């Protein structure tokens, strides 16, 4: 009888155990994120550094593991990027400047087709990012890219072309940080 009770308790503990997390730069990235009705798995993670300063821990979430950046960028399927800030005090202007540089690199300078969406995206980043803040960029086909900052939905931007340019900031030919790209691809 005691053996049965212990077995049931062990199974219950396994079922209700907290979600595992990957520790990067002192931040814990969850193993899964929900995109629409889909559960996404952490594909890989790394640190965004600028001038040797750890800015944020970034994780890429996909349906299944993938290491081909072009496939990921071009895929019309649910995916997410989660940033957990390590550096305390990244201004909204610094974030927008970084996004604009990333969009220029991702589109090889041809921002015309995504300009309006990039401007809308940039409008979400008005506050300073503080240590521990979580920013999520979640793409769901048919819905678009949802941007949440500190748990607050800032808005949704439609368009696969915009999603491709946005994810290319981290995974494109000229990524924001090549070691972060490698980490996100699980390499």
Foldseek 3Di string as FASTA:
>chain_A
DVVVVVVVVVVVCVVPPDFAFDAEPNDTHGQWDDFPNDIWGFQFWYFQDDPNRGFWIKTKTHNDAAQDLVCVLQDLAKIKMKTATAAAWAALVNVLVLQVVLLCVLVVNPCVVCVVVSVLVSVLRHGTHGHGKMWMWIQHHPFATWIDTSNRTSDGDDDSVNSSSNSCCCRNPDHSDVVRNCRNNVD
